[in-house]
C-alpha atoms as a PDB file:
ATOM      1  CA  ILE A   1       0.000   0.000   0.000  1.00  0.00           C
ATOM      2  CA  HIS A   2       1.448   3.325  -1.014  1.00  0.00           C
ATOM      3  CA  THR A   3       1.483   6.128   1.543  1.00  0.00           C
ATOM      4  CA  ASN A   4       2.112   9.834   1.281  1.00  0.00           C
ATOM      5  CA  ALA A   5       5.577   9.398   2.811  1.00  0.00           C
ATOM      6  CA  ALA A   6       6.639   6.930   0.120  1.00  0.00           C
ATOM      7  CA  ASN A   7       4.980   8.711  -2.782  1.00  0.00           C
ATOM      8  CA  PRO A   8       7.056  11.486  -4.370  1.00  0.00           C
ATOM      9  CA  ASN A   9       3.831  12.939  -5.799  1.00  0.00           C
ATOM     10  CA  TRP A  10       2.304  13.184  -2.316  1.00  0.00           C
ATOM     11  CA  LYS A  11       0.182  16.224  -3.182  1.00  0.00           C
ATOM     12  CA  ASN A  12      -1.792  14.046  -5.604  1.00  0.00           C
ATOM     13  CA  ALA A  13      -1.670  10.903  -3.474  1.00  0.00           C
ATOM     14  CA  SER A  14      -5.136  11.342  -1.987  1.00  0.00           C
ATOM     15  CA  SER A  15      -6.611  10.888  -5.461  1.00  0.00           C
ATOM     16  CA  ALA A  16      -4.425   7.889  -6.349  1.00  0.00           C
ATOM     17  CA  ARG A  17      -6.381   4.664  -6.671  1.00  0.00           C
ATOM     18  CA  GLY A  18      -6.138   1.222  -8.149  1.00  0.00           C
ATOM     19  CA  PHE A  19      -4.204  -2.007  -8.208  1.00  0.00           C
ATOM     20  CA  GLU A  20      -1.246  -3.265 -10.222  1.00  0.00           C
ATOM     21  CA  THR A  21       0.963  -6.326 -10.429  1.00  0.00           C
ATOM     22  CA  TYR A  22       4.701  -6.309 -11.154  1.00  0.00           C
ATOM     23  CA  PHE A  23       6.962  -9.039 -12.513  1.00  0.00           C
ATOM     24  CA  LEU A  24      10.744  -9.045 -12.855  1.00  0.00           C
ATOM     25  CA  ALA A  25      12.032  -7.323 -15.978  1.00  0.00           C
ATOM     26  CA  GLU A  26      13.656  -4.053 -16.945  1.00  0.00           C
ATOM     27  CA  ALA A  27      11.402  -1.084 -16.285  1.00  0.00           C
ATOM     28  CA  ASN A  28      10.052   0.351 -19.544  1.00  0.00           C
ATOM     29  CA  THR A  29       8.301   3.498 -18.359  1.00  0.00           C
ATOM     30  CA  GLU A  30       9.245   6.360 -16.065  1.00  0.00           C
ATOM     31  CA  ASP A  31       6.503   5.245 -13.648  1.00  0.00           C
ATOM     32  CA  GLU A  32       7.918   1.700 -13.520  1.00  0.00           C
ATOM     33  CA  LYS A  33      11.421   3.107 -12.937  1.00  0.00           C
ATOM     34  CA  ARG A  34      10.113   5.381 -10.145  1.00  0.00           C
ATOM     35  CA  VAL A  35       8.337   2.488  -8.409  1.00  0.00           C
ATOM     36  CA  ALA A  36      11.420   0.249  -8.717  1.00  0.00           C
ATOM     37  CA  ALA A  37      13.649   2.922  -7.191  1.00  0.00           C
ATOM     38  CA  MET A  38      11.189   3.526  -4.353  1.00  0.00           C
ATOM     39  CA  GLU A  39      10.680  -0.186  -3.586  1.00  0.00           C
ATOM     40  CA  ASN A  40      14.399  -1.017  -3.884  1.00  0.00           C
ATOM     41  CA  GLU A  41      15.270   1.781  -1.426  1.00  0.00           C
ATOM     42  CA  ALA A  42      14.132  -0.527   1.395  1.00  0.00           C
ATOM     43  CA  ILE A  43      17.176  -2.786   0.842  1.00  0.00           C
ATOM     44  CA  LYS A  44      19.341  -0.531   2.978  1.00  0.00           C
ATOM     45  CA  PHE A  45      17.359  -1.663   6.021  1.00  0.00           C
ATOM     46  CA  GLU A  46      18.053  -5.377   5.490  1.00  0.00           C
ATOM     47  CA  THR A  47      20.781  -7.087   7.491  1.00  0.00           C
ATOM     48  CA  THR A  48      21.401 -10.252   5.459  1.00  0.00           C
ATOM     49  CA  VAL A  49      24.644 -10.613   3.551  1.00  0.00           C
ATOM     50  CA  GLU A  50      24.432 -11.218  -0.177  1.00  0.00           C
ATOM     51  CA  THR A  51      26.848 -13.330  -2.169  1.00  0.00           C
ATOM     52  CA  SER A  52      29.356 -11.479  -4.282  1.00  0.00           C
ATOM     53  CA  GLY A  53      28.155 -10.385  -7.690  1.00  0.00           C
ATOM     54  CA  SER A  54      31.729 -10.101  -8.945  1.00  0.00           C
ATOM     55  CA  ASP A  55      32.046 -13.811  -9.766  1.00  0.00           C
ATOM     56  CA  PRO A  56      31.283 -13.996 -13.528  1.00  0.00           C
ATOM     57  CA  LEU A  57      30.180 -17.637 -13.502  1.00  0.00           C
ATOM     58  CA  GLY A  58      27.942 -17.063 -10.467  1.00  0.00           C
ATOM     59  CA  PHE A  59      26.403 -14.027 -12.162  1.00  0.00           C
ATOM     60  CA  ILE A  60      25.686 -15.989 -15.344  1.00  0.00           C
ATOM     61  CA  LEU A  61      24.140 -18.895 -13.430  1.00  0.00           C
ATOM     62  CA  ARG A  62      21.928 -16.571 -11.355  1.00  0.00           C
ATOM     63  CA  ASP A  63      20.893 -14.690 -14.488  1.00  0.00           C
ATOM     64  CA  MET A  64      19.974 -17.921 -16.273  1.00  0.00           C
ATOM     65  CA  ALA A  65      17.953 -19.118 -13.272  1.00  0.00           C
ATOM     66  CA  GLN A  66      16.010 -15.846 -13.174  1.00  0.00           C
ATOM     67  CA  ASN A  67      15.425 -15.703 -16.934  1.00  0.00           C
ATOM     68  CA  GLU A  68      13.989 -19.208 -16.879  1.00  0.00           C
ATOM     69  CA  HIS A  69      11.020 -17.909 -14.909  1.00  0.00           C
ATOM     70  CA  LEU A  70      10.347 -14.543 -16.584  1.00  0.00           C
ATOM     71  CA  ARG A  71       7.644 -15.870 -18.901  1.00  0.00           C
ATOM     72  CA  GLU A  72       5.972 -17.751 -16.071  1.00  0.00           C
ATOM     73  CA  SER A  73       6.117 -14.622 -13.894  1.00  0.00           C
ATOM     74  CA  LEU A  74       4.352 -12.622 -16.596  1.00  0.00           C
ATOM     75  CA  THR A  75       1.654 -15.289 -16.855  1.00  0.00           C
ATOM     76  CA  LEU A  76       1.210 -15.371 -13.068  1.00  0.00           C
ATOM     77  CA  ALA A  77       1.034 -11.565 -12.877  1.00  0.00           C
ATOM     78  CA  THR A  78      -1.511 -11.419 -15.703  1.00  0.00           C
ATOM     79  CA  LEU A  79      -3.744 -14.072 -14.126  1.00  0.00           C
ATOM     80  CA  THR A  80      -3.535 -12.258 -10.782  1.00  0.00           C
ATOM     81  CA  GLN A  81      -4.406  -8.882 -12.278  1.00  0.00           C
ATOM     82  CA  GLU A  82      -7.413 -10.393 -14.076  1.00  0.00           C
ATOM     83  CA  SER A  83      -8.596 -12.100 -10.896  1.00  0.00           C
ATOM     84  CA  LEU A  84      -8.279  -8.901  -8.853  1.00  0.00           C
ATOM     85  CA  LYS A  85     -10.299  -6.998 -11.455  1.00  0.00           C
ATOM     86  CA  ALA A  86     -13.393  -8.928 -10.345  1.00  0.00           C
ATOM     87  CA  VAL A  87     -13.156  -7.794  -6.693  1.00  0.00           C
ATOM     88  CA  HIS A  88     -11.206  -4.517  -6.547  1.00  0.00           C
ATOM     89  CA  PRO A  89     -13.302  -1.394  -7.257  1.00  0.00           C
ATOM     90  CA  GLY A  90     -10.320   0.795  -8.145  1.00  0.00           C
ATOM     91  CA  PRO A  91      -8.899   1.304 -11.614  1.00  0.00           C
ATOM     92  CA  ASN A  92      -6.949  -1.583 -13.107  1.00  0.00           C
ATOM     93  CA  ARG A  93      -3.437  -0.117 -13.384  1.00  0.00           C
ATOM     94  CA  GLY A  94      -2.274  -3.201 -15.281  1.00  0.00           C
ATOM     95  CA  VAL A  95       0.638  -5.602 -15.261  1.00  0.00           C
ATOM     96  CA  LYS A  96       3.959  -3.809 -15.101  1.00  0.00           C
ATOM     97  CA  GLN A  97       7.591  -4.804 -15.126  1.00  0.00           C
ATOM     98  CA  ALA A  98      10.461  -3.561 -13.021  1.00  0.00           C
ATOM     99  CA  PRO A  99      13.738  -4.823 -11.533  1.00  0.00           C
ATOM    100  CA  LEU A 100      12.388  -4.892  -7.967  1.00  0.00           C
ATOM    101  CA  SER A 101      14.839  -6.303  -5.436  1.00  0.00           C
ATOM    102  CA  VAL A 102      12.202  -8.499  -3.851  1.00  0.00           C
ATOM    103  CA  LEU A 103      11.748 -10.190  -7.250  1.00  0.00           C
ATOM    104  CA  VAL A 104      15.423 -10.238  -8.257  1.00  0.00           C
ATOM    105  CA  ARG A 105      16.167 -12.554  -5.331  1.00  0.00           C
ATOM    106  CA  SER A 106      13.404 -14.969  -6.253  1.00  0.00           C
ATOM    107  CA  PHE A 107      14.422 -17.879  -8.443  1.00  0.00           C
ATOM    108  CA  MET A 108      10.895 -19.009  -9.255  1.00  0.00           C
ATOM    109  CA  PRO A 109       7.844 -17.477 -10.900  1.00  0.00           C
ATOM    110  CA  SER A 110       7.122 -14.412  -8.771  1.00  0.00           C
ATOM    111  CA  MET A 111       5.246 -11.138  -8.659  1.00  0.00           C
ATOM    112  CA  LEU A 112       4.575  -8.150  -6.440  1.00  0.00           C
ATOM    113  CA  VAL A 113       0.941  -7.078  -6.056  1.00  0.00           C
ATOM    114  CA  GLU A 114       0.103  -3.475  -5.179  1.00  0.00           C
ATOM    115  CA  LEU A 115      -3.458  -3.521  -3.839  1.00  0.00           C
ATOM    116  CA  GLY A 116      -4.080   0.162  -3.385  1.00  0.00           C
ATOM    117  CA  PHE A 117      -3.177   3.524  -1.960  1.00  0.00           C
ATOM    118  CA  GLY A 118      -3.711   3.986   1.774  1.00  0.00           C
ATOM    119  CA  SER A 119      -3.487   7.746   1.230  1.00  0.00           C
ATOM    120  CA  ASN A 120      -6.817   7.669  -0.630  1.00  0.00           C
ATOM    121  CA  PRO A 121      -9.550   7.725   2.065  1.00  0.00           C
ATOM    122  CA  LYS A 122     -12.076   5.665   0.062  1.00  0.00           C
ATOM    123  CA  GLU A 123      -9.487   3.091  -0.920  1.00  0.00           C
ATOM    124  CA  ALA A 124      -8.072   2.943   2.614  1.00  0.00           C
ATOM    125  CA  GLN A 125     -11.550   2.198   3.940  1.00  0.00           C
ATOM    126  CA  PHE A 126     -11.928  -0.581   1.368  1.00  0.00           C
ATOM    127  CA  LEU A 127      -8.512  -2.053   2.225  1.00  0.00           C
ATOM    128  CA  LEU A 128      -9.169  -2.025   5.984  1.00  0.00           C
ATOM    129  CA  SER A 129     -12.321  -4.133   5.707  1.00  0.00           C
ATOM    130  CA  ASP A 130     -11.782  -7.757   6.808  1.00  0.00           C
ATOM    131  CA  GLU A 131     -14.291  -8.899   4.202  1.00  0.00           C
ATOM    132  CA  ARG A 132     -12.501  -7.015   1.382  1.00  0.00           C
ATOM    133  CA  GLN A 133      -9.104  -8.331   2.530  1.00  0.00           C
ATOM    134  CA  THR A 134     -10.480 -11.868   2.365  1.00  0.00           C
ATOM    135  CA  GLU A 135     -11.857 -11.249  -1.131  1.00  0.00           C
ATOM    136  CA  LEU A 136      -8.545  -9.819  -2.331  1.00  0.00           C
ATOM    137  CA  ALA A 137      -6.562 -12.698  -0.802  1.00  0.00           C
ATOM    138  CA  GLN A 138      -8.960 -15.210  -2.379  1.00  0.00           C
ATOM    139  CA  ALA A 139      -8.573 -13.531  -5.789  1.00  0.00           C
ATOM    140  CA  ILE A 140      -4.775 -13.812  -5.532  1.00  0.00           C
ATOM    141  CA  ALA A 141      -5.005 -17.434  -4.334  1.00  0.00           C
ATOM    142  CA  ASP A 142      -7.388 -18.313  -7.200  1.00  0.00           C
ATOM    143  CA  ALA A 143      -4.934 -16.818  -9.691  1.00  0.00           C
ATOM    144  CA  CYS A 144      -2.083 -18.861  -8.188  1.00  0.00           C
ATOM    145  CA  VAL A 145      -4.138 -22.071  -8.409  1.00  0.00           C
ATOM    146  CA  ALA A 146      -5.031 -21.280 -12.042  1.00  0.00           C
ATOM    147  CA  PHE A 147      -1.358 -20.601 -12.797  1.00  0.00           C
ATOM    148  CA  LEU A 148      -0.254 -23.897 -11.222  1.00  0.00           C
ATOM    149  CA  ALA A 149      -2.883 -25.856 -13.168  1.00  0.00           C
ATOM    150  CA  GLN A 150      -1.789 -24.158 -16.403  1.00  0.00           C
ATOM    151  CA  TYR A 151       1.891 -24.791 -15.583  1.00  0.00           C
ATOM    152  CA  ASP A 152       1.233 -28.461 -14.803  1.00  0.00           C
ATOM    153  CA  ARG A 153      -0.499 -28.898 -18.185  1.00  0.00           C
ATOM    154  CA  LYS A 154       2.424 -27.122 -19.896  1.00  0.00           C
ATOM    155  CA  VAL A 155       5.067 -29.415 -18.417  1.00  0.00           C
ATOM    156  CA  GLY A 156       2.934 -32.536 -18.827  1.00  0.00           C
ATOM    157  CA  LEU A 157       2.079 -33.206 -15.177  1.00  0.00           C
ATOM    158  CA  ASP A 158      -1.684 -32.925 -15.774  1.00  0.00           C
ATOM    159  CA  PRO A 159      -3.044 -35.061 -18.637  1.00  0.00           C
END
């Protein structure tokens, strides 16, 4: 949930609404780049030690592992966005791509779902409702189940 403190356009934040889903890829638009920079800023608060990125073979292997799941991540993000459209009253802000740190470290199909803007009073009220939270969580879960069924058919696990 975006807040005024995290939003560089805080003067307009109270009118911001909607939901969006990100998958790992280079940011194409200025908005995607802005969100990636804002989300990746949180890394400085983490205390875990990362492995060195200076090892060329390690870099190549990590890059190959991530690239293997890019297509699946796009499919998962698209299914999730479509599922959320049925329960979220805000504007559908679409599936977007960005090199978000939380996704860079994930070596599996992955996505980041932005469910709304807490700085918008109407949207905040919607997001604070237990019933709405359950509906949103169910929409995301349904998308994940649909993705897994589709993936199983793709790799031949489901006849």
